Amino acid sequence: MNQELIKDGDLLIAKIIKNQEWPKNLQFYSEDKDFLQVATWNYNTGKHLKAHGHKICQRISNRTNEILFIKSGRVKAYFYSEEDELITEKELNKGDIAIIYAGGHAYDILENKTQVLEIKNGPYLGLEKDKKIIEK
């Protein structure tokens, strides 16, 4: 599995999963404790996944996590520490996945018609409660 960890000391800021042939079967990229559970599927015809639902149960989520899937184009991603200091910048290309756990982030679109799927945990509580703008 071709993934890169971005850390600030012991704090995991993000995981970058580069475009690759996905591993066979079910592959999780997250830990059970993570607010978002991220996995890829790679099955052949005839595989049946049993019908299931998810029980209602209380979960406590104290931060927003974000996942980006680069469908097409290129994005430069900037990753910041919890203290708003730039840690690193990474180019994300078609097929790449970024899982953002902590710290801050910014993006530059590098190519016309760049398409990105963004997934976050919710609910969104509004700009005042939910976001902190990093002025650099």
C-alpha atoms as a PDB file:
ATOM      1  CA  MET A   1       0.000   0.000   0.000  1.00  0.00           C
ATOM      2  CA  ASN A   2       1.562   3.256  -1.159  1.00  0.00           C
ATOM      3  CA  GLN A   3       0.708   5.789   1.552  1.00  0.00           C
ATOM      4  CA  GLU A   4       2.547   8.693   3.119  1.00  0.00           C
ATOM      5  CA  LEU A   5       1.976   9.900   6.672  1.00  0.00           C
ATOM      6  CA  ILE A   6       2.194  13.613   7.460  1.00  0.00           C
ATOM      7  CA  LYS A   7       2.919  14.124  11.142  1.00  0.00           C
ATOM      8  CA  ASP A   8       3.670  16.943  13.551  1.00  0.00           C
ATOM      9  CA  GLY A   9       5.626  15.149  16.239  1.00  0.00           C
ATOM     10  CA  ASP A  10       3.368  12.277  17.306  1.00  0.00           C
ATOM     11  CA  LEU A  11       0.189  13.919  15.949  1.00  0.00           C
ATOM     12  CA  LEU A  12      -1.047  12.446  12.670  1.00  0.00           C
ATOM     13  CA  ILE A  13      -2.061  15.376  10.442  1.00  0.00           C
ATOM     14  CA  ALA A  14      -2.898  13.485   7.231  1.00  0.00           C
ATOM     15  CA  LYS A  15      -2.436  10.348   5.150  1.00  0.00           C
ATOM     16  CA  ILE A  16      -1.857  10.560   1.415  1.00  0.00           C
ATOM     17  CA  ILE A  17      -2.736   7.437  -0.557  1.00  0.00           C
ATOM     18  CA  LYS A  18      -1.205   7.747  -3.999  1.00  0.00           C
ATOM     19  CA  ASN A  19      -3.016   6.558  -7.101  1.00  0.00           C
ATOM     20  CA  GLN A  20      -2.319   2.865  -7.338  1.00  0.00           C
ATOM     21  CA  GLU A  21      -3.876  -0.483  -8.037  1.00  0.00           C
ATOM     22  CA  TRP A  22      -6.098  -0.987  -5.014  1.00  0.00           C
ATOM     23  CA  PRO A  23      -5.316  -4.046  -2.879  1.00  0.00           C
ATOM     24  CA  LYS A  24      -7.596  -7.059  -3.370  1.00  0.00           C
ATOM     25  CA  ASN A  25     -10.708  -7.336  -1.217  1.00  0.00           C
ATOM     26  CA  LEU A  26     -11.362  -4.808   1.569  1.00  0.00           C
ATOM     27  CA  GLN A  27      -8.516  -2.500   2.657  1.00  0.00           C
ATOM     28  CA  PHE A  28      -8.986  -0.047   5.539  1.00  0.00           C
ATOM     29  CA  TYR A  29      -6.750   3.031   5.728  1.00  0.00           C
ATOM     30  CA  SER A  30      -8.185   4.252   9.029  1.00  0.00           C
ATOM     31  CA  GLU A  31      -7.991   3.025  12.601  1.00  0.00           C
ATOM     32  CA  ASP A  32     -11.125   2.003  14.540  1.00  0.00           C
ATOM     33  CA  LYS A  33     -10.783   5.151  16.696  1.00  0.00           C
ATOM     34  CA  ASP A  34     -10.829   7.563  13.702  1.00  0.00           C
ATOM     35  CA  PHE A  35     -13.885   9.784  13.189  1.00  0.00           C
ATOM     36  CA  LEU A  36     -14.081   8.765   9.527  1.00  0.00           C
ATOM     37  CA  GLN A  37     -13.598   5.191   8.438  1.00  0.00           C
ATOM     38  CA  VAL A  38     -11.879   4.953   5.046  1.00  0.00           C
ATOM     39  CA  ALA A  39     -11.553   1.805   2.947  1.00  0.00           C
ATOM     40  CA  THR A  40     -11.261   0.684  -0.656  1.00  0.00           C
ATOM     41  CA  TRP A  41     -13.030  -2.246  -2.266  1.00  0.00           C
ATOM     42  CA  ASN A  42     -11.510  -4.433  -4.973  1.00  0.00           C
ATOM     43  CA  TYR A  43     -13.676  -7.477  -5.692  1.00  0.00           C
ATOM     44  CA  ASN A  44     -14.414  -9.612  -8.727  1.00  0.00           C
ATOM     45  CA  THR A  45     -17.800 -10.355 -10.262  1.00  0.00           C
ATOM     46  CA  GLY A  46     -19.917 -12.600  -8.077  1.00  0.00           C
ATOM     47  CA  LYS A  47     -18.771 -11.226  -4.732  1.00  0.00           C
ATOM     48  CA  HIS A  48     -21.797 -10.659  -2.478  1.00  0.00           C
ATOM     49  CA  LEU A  49     -21.666  -8.248   0.425  1.00  0.00           C
ATOM     50  CA  LYS A  50     -24.308  -9.198   2.995  1.00  0.00           C
ATOM     51  CA  ALA A  51     -27.223  -6.807   3.480  1.00  0.00           C
ATOM     52  CA  HIS A  52     -26.762  -4.757   6.607  1.00  0.00           C
ATOM     53  CA  GLY A  53     -27.720  -1.521   8.291  1.00  0.00           C
ATOM     54  CA  HIS A  54     -26.048   0.584  10.918  1.00  0.00           C
ATOM     55  CA  LYS A  55     -27.470   0.877  14.421  1.00  0.00           C
ATOM     56  CA  ILE A  56     -28.228   4.237  15.943  1.00  0.00           C
ATOM     57  CA  CYS A  57     -25.654   4.852  18.641  1.00  0.00           C
ATOM     58  CA  GLN A  58     -24.134   7.959  20.135  1.00  0.00           C
ATOM     59  CA  ARG A  59     -20.703   8.957  18.904  1.00  0.00           C
ATOM     60  CA  ILE A  60     -18.686  11.888  20.134  1.00  0.00           C
ATOM     61  CA  SER A  61     -16.733  13.700  17.448  1.00  0.00           C
ATOM     62  CA  ASN A  62     -14.730  16.703  18.575  1.00  0.00           C
ATOM     63  CA  ARG A  63     -13.143  17.673  15.266  1.00  0.00           C
ATOM     64  CA  THR A  64     -13.925  17.610  11.579  1.00  0.00           C
ATOM     65  CA  ASN A  65     -11.979  15.168   9.433  1.00  0.00           C
ATOM     66  CA  GLU A  66     -11.845  15.558   5.673  1.00  0.00           C
ATOM     67  CA  ILE A  67     -11.248  13.185   2.789  1.00  0.00           C
ATOM     68  CA  LEU A  68     -10.362  14.308  -0.730  1.00  0.00           C
ATOM     69  CA  PHE A  69     -10.492  12.043  -3.754  1.00  0.00           C
ATOM     70  CA  ILE A  70      -8.936  13.621  -6.837  1.00  0.00           C
ATOM     71  CA  LYS A  71     -11.172  12.487  -9.701  1.00  0.00           C
ATOM     72  CA  SER A  72      -9.270  14.491 -12.318  1.00  0.00           C
ATOM     73  CA  GLY A  73      -6.644  17.216 -12.492  1.00  0.00           C
ATOM     74  CA  ARG A  74      -4.088  18.244  -9.906  1.00  0.00           C
ATOM     75  CA  VAL A  75      -4.177  19.993  -6.528  1.00  0.00           C
ATOM     76  CA  LYS A  76      -1.381  21.346  -4.350  1.00  0.00           C
ATOM     77  CA  ALA A  77      -2.246  20.691  -0.712  1.00  0.00           C
ATOM     78  CA  TYR A  78      -0.651  22.595   2.179  1.00  0.00           C
ATOM     79  CA  PHE A  79      -0.682  20.968   5.618  1.00  0.00           C
ATOM     80  CA  TYR A  80      -0.396  22.981   8.843  1.00  0.00           C
ATOM     81  CA  SER A  81       0.288  22.053  12.468  1.00  0.00           C
ATOM     82  CA  GLU A  82      -2.199  22.659  15.274  1.00  0.00           C
ATOM     83  CA  GLU A  83      -0.217  25.885  15.886  1.00  0.00           C
ATOM     84  CA  ASP A  84      -0.879  27.042  12.281  1.00  0.00           C
ATOM     85  CA  GLU A  85       2.695  26.471  11.083  1.00  0.00           C
ATOM     86  CA  LEU A  86       3.196  25.055   7.585  1.00  0.00           C
ATOM     87  CA  ILE A  87       4.498  21.474   7.822  1.00  0.00           C
ATOM     88  CA  THR A  88       4.639  20.452   4.164  1.00  0.00           C
ATOM     89  CA  GLU A  89       3.036  20.780   0.755  1.00  0.00           C
ATOM     90  CA  LYS A  90       2.107  17.850  -1.450  1.00  0.00           C
ATOM     91  CA  GLU A  91       0.859  17.567  -5.012  1.00  0.00           C
ATOM     92  CA  LEU A  92      -2.236  15.413  -5.347  1.00  0.00           C
ATOM     93  CA  ASN A  93      -2.957  13.908  -8.756  1.00  0.00           C
ATOM     94  CA  LYS A  94      -5.806  12.024 -10.409  1.00  0.00           C
ATOM     95  CA  GLY A  95      -6.700   8.989  -8.299  1.00  0.00           C
ATOM     96  CA  ASP A  96      -4.957  10.181  -5.124  1.00  0.00           C
ATOM     97  CA  ILE A  97      -6.751  10.216  -1.775  1.00  0.00           C
ATOM     98  CA  ALA A  98      -5.955  12.542   1.143  1.00  0.00           C
ATOM     99  CA  ILE A  99      -7.339  11.797   4.615  1.00  0.00           C
ATOM    100  CA  ILE A 100      -6.979  14.821   6.882  1.00  0.00           C
ATOM    101  CA  TYR A 101      -7.129  14.184  10.623  1.00  0.00           C
ATOM    102  CA  ALA A 102      -5.822  17.312  12.354  1.00  0.00           C
ATOM    103  CA  GLY A 103      -4.125  20.664  11.885  1.00  0.00           C
ATOM    104  CA  GLY A 104      -4.999  23.008   9.051  1.00  0.00           C
ATOM    105  CA  HIS A 105      -4.949  22.792   5.285  1.00  0.00           C
ATOM    106  CA  ALA A 106      -5.160  24.882   2.123  1.00  0.00           C
ATOM    107  CA  TYR A 107      -5.387  24.006  -1.552  1.00  0.00           C
ATOM    108  CA  ASP A 108      -4.314  25.424  -4.913  1.00  0.00           C
ATOM    109  CA  ILE A 109      -5.928  24.075  -8.073  1.00  0.00           C
ATOM    110  CA  LEU A 110      -3.134  23.393 -10.585  1.00  0.00           C
ATOM    111  CA  GLU A 111      -5.088  22.338 -13.664  1.00  0.00           C
ATOM    112  CA  ASN A 112      -8.295  23.379 -15.435  1.00  0.00           C
ATOM    113  CA  LYS A 113     -11.303  21.118 -14.915  1.00  0.00           C
ATOM    114  CA  THR A 114      -9.877  19.656 -11.717  1.00  0.00           C
ATOM    115  CA  GLN A 115     -12.598  17.603 -10.016  1.00  0.00           C
ATOM    116  CA  VAL A 116     -12.395  16.660  -6.340  1.00  0.00           C
ATOM    117  CA  LEU A 117     -14.800  14.703  -4.167  1.00  0.00           C
ATOM    118  CA  GLU A 118     -14.700  16.025  -0.577  1.00  0.00           C
ATOM    119  CA  ILE A 119     -16.203  14.092   2.323  1.00  0.00           C
ATOM    120  CA  LYS A 120     -16.417  15.327   5.930  1.00  0.00           C
ATOM    121  CA  ASN A 121     -18.108  14.228   9.100  1.00  0.00           C
ATOM    122  CA  GLY A 122     -20.959  16.429  10.214  1.00  0.00           C
ATOM    123  CA  PRO A 123     -23.113  18.084  11.124  1.00  0.00           C
ATOM    124  CA  TYR A 124     -21.600  21.405  10.017  1.00  0.00           C
ATOM    125  CA  LEU A 125     -22.006  23.909  12.864  1.00  0.00           C
ATOM    126  CA  GLY A 126     -21.293  27.080  10.884  1.00  0.00           C
ATOM    127  CA  LEU A 127     -18.188  29.184  10.337  1.00  0.00           C
ATOM    128  CA  GLU A 128     -18.066  30.641  13.865  1.00  0.00           C
ATOM    129  CA  LYS A 129     -18.017  27.246  15.634  1.00  0.00           C
ATOM    130  CA  ASP A 130     -16.545  24.982  12.991  1.00  0.00           C
ATOM    131  CA  LYS A 131     -13.701  26.792  11.170  1.00  0.00           C
ATOM    132  CA  LYS A 132     -10.554  28.667  12.032  1.00  0.00           C
ATOM    133  CA  ILE A 133      -9.035  30.751   9.225  1.00  0.00           C
ATOM    134  CA  ILE A 134      -5.219  30.609   9.157  1.00  0.00           C
ATOM    135  CA  GLU A 135      -3.839  34.027   8.219  1.00  0.00           C
ATOM    136  CA  LYS A 136      -0.349  33.559   6.761  1.00  0.00           C
END
